[in-house]
């Protein structure tokens, strides 16, 4: 009795090779974030086909096993690539907010600083008026207020808060006569300042 020629030959592992091919294609697609979903579907199909080929009787098993392993590994690699690409894009919207805040703070601080420096250019400061008052009184022979440390700062503040114009105040600290229209007002302001800053009159007597 003769045996059949096909008795010792195994069944061709067609399903195993199909599943392996799908697993390779799915791995490539899953590593591209734009088509990650398509890659996952192809990997799932490759895993199922490889699983069916694994249980087919008489067929070679290794293509099905490799296809199943590659489907799992490809899915993991594709997921890692997708997560990395998403994390790399997250700082993008955050960084532009930093430069837009810094110019706004500097631009708002600039106008507030300019008026403070501009006041000394227009109206003399209390310190300048204090020094000018000291020179004016010294020129008139009055030095008794030098022993009163608060007198000249008080005079400077008093003249600064007076109604005298900026030009008249600048003339006073430079030792010149005030404007004719404010000459009497300037004299009265100086006298009032002396009375205010030395109510006792001790300095004038000295």
Protein backbone atom coordinates (compact mmCIF):
# COMPACT_ATOMS: atom_id res chain seq x y z
CA UNK A 1 0.00 0.00 0.00
CA UNK A 2 1.50 3.29 -1.16
CA UNK A 3 1.18 6.47 0.87
CA UNK A 4 -0.09 9.75 -0.54
CA UNK A 5 2.66 12.13 -1.77
CA UNK A 6 1.27 15.01 0.30
CA UNK A 7 1.19 13.09 3.55
CA UNK A 8 4.57 14.35 4.85
CA UNK A 9 4.27 17.92 3.52
CA UNK A 10 3.03 20.72 5.86
CA UNK A 11 0.31 23.20 4.96
CA UNK A 12 1.63 26.50 3.52
CA UNK A 13 1.55 29.22 6.23
CA UNK A 14 -0.27 31.77 4.09
CA UNK A 15 -2.15 33.31 7.02
CA UNK A 16 1.07 33.54 9.03
CA UNK A 17 2.84 35.51 6.29
CA UNK A 18 -0.22 37.73 5.75
CA UNK A 19 -0.39 38.49 9.48
CA UNK A 20 3.38 39.17 9.54
CA UNK A 21 3.06 41.57 6.60
CA UNK A 22 0.19 43.41 8.27
CA UNK A 23 2.22 43.67 11.49
CA UNK A 24 5.18 45.21 9.61
CA UNK A 25 2.92 47.69 7.78
CA UNK A 26 1.04 48.57 10.98
CA UNK A 27 4.30 49.20 12.86
CA UNK A 28 5.45 51.65 10.18
CA UNK A 29 2.11 53.49 10.17
CA UNK A 30 1.87 53.56 13.98
CA UNK A 31 5.25 55.32 14.18
CA UNK A 32 3.80 58.22 12.15
CA UNK A 33 1.70 60.34 14.58
CA UNK A 34 -0.55 61.66 11.80
CA UNK A 35 -1.73 58.12 10.86
CA UNK A 36 -1.32 56.48 14.27
CA UNK A 37 -4.97 55.37 14.34
CA UNK A 38 -4.68 53.66 10.96
CA UNK A 39 -1.52 51.90 12.11
CA UNK A 40 -3.28 50.60 15.23
CA UNK A 41 -6.10 49.16 13.11
CA UNK A 42 -3.62 47.43 10.77
CA UNK A 43 -1.65 46.07 13.76
CA UNK A 44 -4.84 44.68 15.27
CA UNK A 45 -5.71 43.00 11.96
CA UNK A 46 -2.20 41.54 11.71
CA UNK A 47 -2.44 40.17 15.26
CA UNK A 48 -5.80 38.52 14.57
CA UNK A 49 -4.67 37.00 11.26
CA UNK A 50 -1.45 35.74 12.86
CA UNK A 51 -3.45 34.24 15.73
CA UNK A 52 -5.71 32.39 13.32
CA UNK A 53 -2.70 31.15 11.35
CA UNK A 54 -1.09 29.93 14.58
CA UNK A 55 -3.96 27.54 15.25
CA UNK A 56 -4.18 26.23 11.68
CA UNK A 57 -3.34 22.56 11.70
CA UNK A 58 -0.27 21.44 9.81
CA UNK A 59 0.94 24.97 9.00
CA UNK A 60 4.35 26.33 9.90
CA UNK A 61 4.02 28.35 13.12
CA UNK A 62 6.93 30.80 13.08
CA UNK A 63 5.44 33.44 10.73
CA UNK A 64 2.32 33.64 12.90
CA UNK A 65 4.37 33.90 16.12
CA UNK A 66 6.60 36.62 14.68
CA UNK A 67 3.53 38.47 13.36
CA UNK A 68 1.84 38.43 16.79
CA UNK A 69 4.98 39.59 18.62
CA UNK A 70 5.63 42.32 16.05
CA UNK A 71 2.02 43.52 16.32
CA UNK A 72 2.37 43.98 20.08
CA UNK A 73 5.85 45.56 19.88
CA UNK A 74 4.81 47.82 16.98
CA UNK A 75 1.82 49.08 18.94
CA UNK A 76 4.04 49.88 21.93
CA UNK A 77 6.61 51.68 19.76
CA UNK A 78 3.92 53.68 17.97
CA UNK A 79 2.38 54.72 21.30
CA UNK A 80 5.76 55.90 22.61
CA UNK A 81 6.41 57.91 19.43
CA UNK A 82 2.96 59.50 19.66
CA UNK A 83 3.39 60.48 23.34
CA UNK A 84 6.84 61.98 22.67
CA UNK A 85 5.54 64.03 19.75
CA UNK A 86 2.63 65.33 21.84
CA UNK A 87 4.91 66.29 24.75
CA UNK A 88 7.29 68.04 22.37
CA UNK A 89 4.45 70.22 21.07
CA UNK A 90 3.05 71.14 24.49
CA UNK A 91 5.61 73.91 25.34
CA UNK A 92 4.86 75.62 22.02
CA UNK A 93 1.77 77.60 23.15
CA UNK A 94 3.34 78.42 26.54
CA UNK A 95 6.58 80.09 25.32
CA UNK A 96 5.03 82.95 23.28
CA UNK A 97 3.22 84.18 26.41
CA UNK A 98 6.52 85.04 28.09
CA UNK A 99 7.79 87.62 25.59
CA UNK A 100 4.39 89.31 25.33
CA UNK A 101 4.31 89.98 29.09
CA UNK A 102 7.76 91.52 29.44
CA UNK A 103 7.30 94.38 26.94
CA UNK A 104 3.98 95.30 28.52
CA UNK A 105 5.53 95.70 31.99
CA UNK A 106 8.44 97.79 30.74
CA UNK A 107 6.18 99.99 28.64
CA UNK A 108 3.91 100.71 31.61
CA UNK A 109 6.81 101.48 33.92
CA UNK A 110 8.52 103.90 31.54
CA UNK A 111 5.86 106.66 31.68
CA UNK A 112 5.73 106.55 35.50
CA UNK A 113 9.47 107.08 35.77
CA UNK A 114 9.74 110.00 33.35
CA UNK A 115 7.63 112.52 35.31
CA UNK A 116 9.79 112.10 38.42
CA UNK A 117 12.94 113.05 36.55
CA UNK A 118 11.13 115.77 34.63
CA UNK A 119 10.03 117.72 37.75
CA UNK A 120 13.58 118.86 38.54
CA UNK A 121 13.95 120.14 34.97
CA UNK A 122 10.84 122.36 35.23
CA UNK A 123 10.45 123.28 38.89
CA UNK A 124 13.51 123.26 41.19
CA UNK A 125 13.46 120.49 43.76
CA UNK A 126 13.12 121.25 47.51
CA UNK A 127 16.81 120.36 47.92
CA UNK A 128 17.83 122.88 45.26
CA UNK A 129 15.60 125.54 46.83
CA UNK A 130 17.09 124.80 50.27
CA UNK A 131 20.63 125.30 48.93
CA UNK A 132 19.55 128.47 47.09
CA UNK A 133 17.93 129.89 50.25
CA UNK A 134 21.13 129.24 52.18
CA UNK A 135 23.23 131.06 49.59
CA UNK A 136 20.77 133.97 49.46
CA UNK A 137 20.79 134.41 53.24
CA UNK A 138 24.58 134.05 53.37
CA UNK A 139 24.84 136.77 50.69
CA UNK A 140 22.78 139.01 52.99
CA UNK A 141 25.09 138.28 55.91
CA UNK A 142 22.68 135.91 57.74
CA UNK A 143 24.49 132.78 58.92
CA UNK A 144 22.70 132.16 62.22
CA UNK A 145 20.41 129.54 60.64
CA UNK A 146 23.40 127.28 59.92
CA UNK A 147 23.08 125.91 63.45
CA UNK A 148 19.48 124.80 62.71
CA UNK A 149 19.78 121.65 60.56
CA UNK A 150 16.06 121.59 59.74
CA UNK A 151 15.73 125.23 58.77
CA UNK A 152 16.99 125.20 55.17
CA UNK A 153 15.21 121.92 54.21
CA UNK A 154 12.05 123.47 55.64
CA UNK A 155 12.61 126.62 53.54
CA UNK A 156 13.15 124.53 50.42
CA UNK A 157 9.91 122.61 50.99
CA UNK A 158 8.01 125.81 51.79
CA UNK A 159 9.13 127.59 48.60
CA UNK A 160 8.54 124.44 46.52
CA UNK A 161 4.91 124.32 47.75
CA UNK A 162 4.37 128.07 47.22
CA UNK A 163 2.47 129.68 44.36
CA UNK A 164 5.64 131.18 42.87
CA UNK A 165 6.31 130.24 39.26
CA UNK A 166 9.05 127.83 38.24
CA UNK A 167 10.98 130.66 36.55
CA UNK A 168 10.94 132.83 39.68
CA UNK A 169 12.15 129.92 41.82
CA UNK A 170 14.98 129.25 39.38
CA UNK A 171 15.99 132.92 39.54
CA UNK A 172 15.97 132.80 43.36
CA UNK A 173 18.26 129.78 43.61
CA UNK A 174 20.65 131.35 41.06
CA UNK A 175 20.92 134.53 43.17
CA UNK A 176 19.09 136.74 40.65
CA UNK A 177 16.09 139.01 41.17
CA UNK A 178 12.70 137.36 40.64
CA UNK A 179 10.30 138.40 37.92
CA UNK A 180 8.99 141.96 38.42
CA UNK A 181 5.44 140.70 38.53
CA UNK A 182 6.31 138.28 41.36
CA UNK A 183 8.95 140.31 43.19
CA UNK A 184 6.66 141.24 46.07
CA UNK A 185 5.18 137.72 46.22
CA UNK A 186 8.69 136.24 46.36
CA UNK A 187 9.72 138.57 49.21
CA UNK A 188 6.55 137.69 51.11
CA UNK A 189 7.10 133.97 50.50
CA UNK A 190 10.65 134.16 51.88
CA UNK A 191 9.46 136.02 54.98
CA UNK A 192 6.62 133.57 55.51
CA UNK A 193 9.05 130.70 55.07
CA UNK A 194 11.38 132.11 57.71
CA UNK A 195 8.47 132.57 60.13
CA UNK A 196 7.29 129.05 59.44
CA UNK A 197 10.65 127.34 59.68
CA UNK A 198 11.85 129.43 62.67
CA UNK A 199 8.71 130.42 64.58
CA UNK A 200 10.76 131.45 67.62
CA UNK A 201 12.78 133.99 65.66
CA UNK A 202 15.93 132.95 67.52
CA UNK A 203 17.91 132.45 64.35
CA UNK A 204 17.13 135.91 63.03
CA UNK A 205 18.09 137.46 66.37
CA UNK A 206 21.38 135.57 66.37
